[in-house]
C-alpha atoms as a PDB file:
ATOM      1  CA  MET A   1     -20.277 -13.124  36.733  1.00  0.00           C
ATOM      2  CA  HIS A   2     -23.004 -11.278  38.641  1.00  0.00           C
ATOM      3  CA  ASP A   3     -26.193 -13.246  39.304  1.00  0.00           C
ATOM      4  CA  GLY A   4     -29.335 -11.180  39.085  1.00  0.00           C
ATOM      5  CA  PRO A   5     -32.834 -11.913  40.317  1.00  0.00           C
ATOM      6  CA  ALA A   6     -35.130 -14.447  38.652  1.00  0.00           C
ATOM      7  CA  TYR A   7     -38.091 -13.108  36.677  1.00  0.00           C
ATOM      8  CA  THR A   8     -41.130 -15.348  36.097  1.00  0.00           C
ATOM      9  CA  ALA A   9     -44.370 -15.390  34.108  1.00  0.00           C
ATOM     10  CA  GLU A  10     -46.959 -18.089  33.449  1.00  0.00           C
ATOM     11  CA  THR A  11     -49.221 -18.258  30.404  1.00  0.00           C
ATOM     12  CA  ASN A  12     -51.541 -21.166  29.535  1.00  0.00           C
ATOM     13  CA  GLY A  13     -49.749 -23.469  31.962  1.00  0.00           C
ATOM     14  CA  ILE A  14     -46.285 -22.649  30.616  1.00  0.00           C
ATOM     15  CA  LEU A  15     -43.953 -21.129  33.221  1.00  0.00           C
ATOM     16  CA  ILE A  16     -41.029 -19.030  32.002  1.00  0.00           C
ATOM     17  CA  ARG A  17     -38.195 -18.258  34.436  1.00  0.00           C
ATOM     18  CA  VAL A  18     -35.367 -15.941  33.338  1.00  0.00           C
ATOM     19  CA  ARG A  19     -32.198 -15.190  35.301  1.00  0.00           C
ATOM     20  CA  PRO A  20     -29.886 -12.531  33.790  1.00  0.00           C
ATOM     21  CA  SER A  21     -26.204 -12.205  34.720  1.00  0.00           C
ATOM     22  CA  TYR A  22     -23.776  -9.398  33.910  1.00  0.00           C
ATOM     23  CA  LEU A  23     -20.623 -10.640  32.165  1.00  0.00           C
ATOM     24  CA  ALA A  24     -17.898  -8.239  33.292  1.00  0.00           C
ATOM     25  CA  GLY A  25     -15.189 -10.314  31.587  1.00  0.00           C
ATOM     26  CA  GLN A  26     -16.830  -9.926  28.165  1.00  0.00           C
ATOM     27  CA  SER A  27     -17.795  -6.289  28.655  1.00  0.00           C
ATOM     28  CA  ASP A  28     -15.629  -3.295  27.742  1.00  0.00           C
ATOM     29  CA  PRO A  29     -17.200  -0.106  29.155  1.00  0.00           C
ATOM     30  CA  ASP A  30     -14.358   2.029  27.759  1.00  0.00           C
ATOM     31  CA  GLU A  31     -15.440   0.872  24.282  1.00  0.00           C
ATOM     32  CA  GLY A  32     -19.162   1.230  25.027  1.00  0.00           C
ATOM     33  CA  ARG A  33     -19.930  -2.503  25.255  1.00  0.00           C
ATOM     34  CA  TRP A  34     -21.743  -4.224  28.128  1.00  0.00           C
ATOM     35  CA  VAL A  35     -22.678  -7.908  27.888  1.00  0.00           C
ATOM     36  CA  TRP A  36     -25.231 -10.016  29.761  1.00  0.00           C
ATOM     37  CA  ALA A  37     -26.044 -13.696  29.713  1.00  0.00           C
ATOM     38  CA  TYR A  38     -29.513 -14.916  30.519  1.00  0.00           C
ATOM     39  CA  GLN A  39     -30.652 -18.391  31.478  1.00  0.00           C
ATOM     40  CA  VAL A  40     -34.196 -19.378  30.553  1.00  0.00           C
ATOM     41  CA  GLU A  41     -36.161 -22.281  31.963  1.00  0.00           C
ATOM     42  CA  ILE A  42     -39.452 -23.260  30.325  1.00  0.00           C
ATOM     43  CA  VAL A  43     -41.629 -25.506  32.495  1.00  0.00           C
ATOM     44  CA  ASN A  44     -44.706 -27.236  31.079  1.00  0.00           C
ATOM     45  CA  LEU A  45     -47.314 -27.203  33.863  1.00  0.00           C
ATOM     46  CA  SER A  46     -50.122 -27.943  31.389  1.00  0.00           C
ATOM     47  CA  GLY A  47     -51.592 -31.346  30.694  1.00  0.00           C
ATOM     48  CA  THR A  48     -50.474 -31.499  27.071  1.00  0.00           C
ATOM     49  CA  THR A  49     -47.217 -31.718  25.135  1.00  0.00           C
ATOM     50  CA  VAL A  50     -46.057 -28.413  23.629  1.00  0.00           C
ATOM     51  CA  GLN A  51     -43.423 -27.382  21.120  1.00  0.00           C
ATOM     52  CA  LEU A  52     -41.659 -24.025  21.045  1.00  0.00           C
ATOM     53  CA  MET A  53     -41.793 -22.908  17.404  1.00  0.00           C
ATOM     54  CA  ALA A  54     -40.545 -19.294  17.424  1.00  0.00           C
ATOM     55  CA  ARG A  55     -39.501 -16.363  19.603  1.00  0.00           C
ATOM     56  CA  ARG A  56     -39.780 -12.587  19.697  1.00  0.00           C
ATOM     57  CA  TRP A  57     -37.577 -10.353  21.853  1.00  0.00           C
ATOM     58  CA  THR A  58     -37.871  -6.606  22.393  1.00  0.00           C
ATOM     59  CA  ILE A  59     -34.534  -5.267  23.649  1.00  0.00           C
ATOM     60  CA  THR A  60     -34.304  -1.702  24.986  1.00  0.00           C
ATOM     61  CA  ASP A  61     -30.981  -0.093  25.878  1.00  0.00           C
ATOM     62  CA  GLY A  62     -30.372   2.600  28.498  1.00  0.00           C
ATOM     63  CA  HIS A  63     -30.980   5.382  25.947  1.00  0.00           C
ATOM     64  CA  GLY A  64     -34.404   3.993  25.015  1.00  0.00           C
ATOM     65  CA  HIS A  65     -33.286   2.566  21.645  1.00  0.00           C
ATOM     66  CA  VAL A  66     -35.485  -0.470  20.859  1.00  0.00           C
ATOM     67  CA  GLU A  67     -34.495  -3.482  18.781  1.00  0.00           C
ATOM     68  CA  GLU A  68     -36.846  -6.352  17.968  1.00  0.00           C
ATOM     69  CA  VAL A  69     -35.479  -9.831  17.269  1.00  0.00           C
ATOM     70  CA  ARG A  70     -37.621 -12.626  15.807  1.00  0.00           C
ATOM     71  CA  GLY A  71     -36.716 -16.112  14.725  1.00  0.00           C
ATOM     72  CA  PRO A  72     -37.498 -19.805  14.774  1.00  0.00           C
ATOM     73  CA  GLY A  73     -37.018 -21.701  18.024  1.00  0.00           C
ATOM     74  CA  VAL A  74     -34.276 -20.895  20.528  1.00  0.00           C
ATOM     75  CA  VAL A  75     -30.531 -21.532  20.219  1.00  0.00           C
ATOM     76  CA  GLY A  76     -31.139 -23.479  17.006  1.00  0.00           C
ATOM     77  CA  GLU A  77     -33.762 -25.792  18.522  1.00  0.00           C
ATOM     78  CA  GLN A  78     -37.542 -26.118  18.559  1.00  0.00           C
ATOM     79  CA  PRO A  79     -37.871 -28.150  21.741  1.00  0.00           C
ATOM     80  CA  VAL A  80     -40.794 -30.456  22.516  1.00  0.00           C
ATOM     81  CA  ILE A  81     -41.739 -30.303  26.205  1.00  0.00           C
ATOM     82  CA  GLU A  82     -43.857 -33.048  27.740  1.00  0.00           C
ATOM     83  CA  PRO A  83     -46.382 -32.327  30.539  1.00  0.00           C
ATOM     84  CA  GLY A  84     -44.410 -31.833  33.761  1.00  0.00           C
ATOM     85  CA  GLY A  85     -41.170 -31.486  31.794  1.00  0.00           C
ATOM     86  CA  SER A  86     -38.879 -28.531  31.269  1.00  0.00           C
ATOM     87  CA  TYR A  87     -36.333 -27.149  28.834  1.00  0.00           C
ATOM     88  CA  ALA A  88     -33.496 -24.773  29.704  1.00  0.00           C
ATOM     89  CA  TYR A  89     -31.011 -22.808  27.626  1.00  0.00           C
ATOM     90  CA  ALA A  90     -28.642 -19.864  27.919  1.00  0.00           C
ATOM     91  CA  SER A  91     -28.029 -16.968  25.546  1.00  0.00           C
ATOM     92  CA  GLY A  92     -26.585 -13.485  25.673  1.00  0.00           C
ATOM     93  CA  CYS A  93     -27.178  -9.854  24.843  1.00  0.00           C
ATOM     94  CA  PRO A  94     -24.626  -7.080  24.241  1.00  0.00           C
ATOM     95  CA  LEU A  95     -25.700  -3.459  24.732  1.00  0.00           C
ATOM     96  CA  PRO A  96     -24.058  -0.088  24.035  1.00  0.00           C
ATOM     97  CA  THR A  97     -25.205   1.134  27.496  1.00  0.00           C
ATOM     98  CA  ASP A  98     -24.693  -0.087  31.067  1.00  0.00           C
ATOM     99  CA  SER A  99     -28.370  -0.935  31.488  1.00  0.00           C
ATOM    100  CA  GLY A 100     -31.370  -2.041  29.525  1.00  0.00           C
ATOM    101  CA  SER A 101     -34.244  -4.474  29.492  1.00  0.00           C
ATOM    102  CA  MET A 102     -35.666  -7.365  27.534  1.00  0.00           C
ATOM    103  CA  VAL A 103     -39.199  -8.715  27.155  1.00  0.00           C
ATOM    104  CA  GLY A 104     -40.768 -11.046  24.655  1.00  0.00           C
ATOM    105  CA  ALA A 105     -42.848 -14.046  23.732  1.00  0.00           C
ATOM    106  CA  TYR A 106     -42.522 -17.639  22.630  1.00  0.00           C
ATOM    107  CA  TYR A 107     -44.872 -19.026  20.012  1.00  0.00           C
ATOM    108  CA  MET A 108     -45.937 -22.564  20.857  1.00  0.00           C
ATOM    109  CA  THR A 109     -48.107 -25.308  19.425  1.00  0.00           C
ATOM    110  CA  ASP A 110     -49.783 -28.002  21.512  1.00  0.00           C
ATOM    111  CA  ALA A 111     -50.431 -31.686  20.801  1.00  0.00           C
ATOM    112  CA  GLU A 112     -53.757 -30.810  19.143  1.00  0.00           C
ATOM    113  CA  GLY A 113     -52.033 -28.412  16.738  1.00  0.00           C
ATOM    114  CA  ARG A 114     -53.291 -25.216  18.389  1.00  0.00           C
ATOM    115  CA  SER A 115     -50.920 -22.256  18.330  1.00  0.00           C
ATOM    116  CA  PHE A 116     -50.578 -19.894  21.267  1.00  0.00           C
ATOM    117  CA  GLU A 117     -48.287 -17.200  22.618  1.00  0.00           C
ATOM    118  CA  VAL A 118     -46.421 -17.453  25.931  1.00  0.00           C
ATOM    119  CA  GLU A 119     -45.201 -14.325  27.726  1.00  0.00           C
ATOM    120  CA  ILE A 120     -41.500 -13.946  28.479  1.00  0.00           C
ATOM    121  CA  PRO A 121     -41.393 -11.660  31.534  1.00  0.00           C
ATOM    122  CA  ALA A 122     -39.697  -8.277  31.269  1.00  0.00           C
ATOM    123  CA  PHE A 123     -36.300  -8.400  32.914  1.00  0.00           C
ATOM    124  CA  SER A 124     -33.695  -5.823  33.759  1.00  0.00           C
ATOM    125  CA  LEU A 125     -30.127  -5.778  32.443  1.00  0.00           C
ATOM    126  CA  ASP A 126     -28.096  -3.742  34.889  1.00  0.00           C
ATOM    127  CA  THR A 127     -24.470  -3.668  35.886  1.00  0.00           C
ATOM    128  CA  PRO A 128     -23.801  -4.657  39.528  1.00  0.00           C
ATOM    129  CA  GLY A 129     -24.679  -1.891  41.939  1.00  0.00           C
ATOM    130  CA  ALA A 130     -27.286  -0.313  39.656  1.00  0.00           C
ATOM    131  CA  ARG A 131     -30.521   0.546  41.437  1.00  0.00           C
ATOM    132  CA  ARG A 132     -33.176   0.091  38.780  1.00  0.00           C
ATOM    133  CA  VAL A 133     -36.129  -2.309  39.054  1.00  0.00           C
ATOM    134  CA  LEU A 134     -38.734  -3.169  36.433  1.00  0.00           C
ATOM    135  CA  ASN A 135     -42.356  -3.361  37.566  1.00  0.00           C
END
């Protein structure tokens, strides 16, 4: 497994840290399949309890094809995160190209019932040795 850089963003006191990794053992370039895992840590730096209700991902492959994925929670959960607490999970993304990118948002509610959107930073999906960086 190849460990990539960490990408971070903070919105409304919620810090999102994403670390993608290329999964060579699950990829099959001869068949046009490259697979990445990504670990996400959500840290509640705000003074109120929050709950992650839904997610939206925009996934772009190396040819510029865009796919949008929406759904409730993450990995089957809608975690509640106390002030100062964190929640972490891992997921994956297959692509038909050897590079791509992901970006998105989490939809949260706070203890007062207010809904808000939290930015998931754009991150690069590249095979080891690739020289592409997202700004």
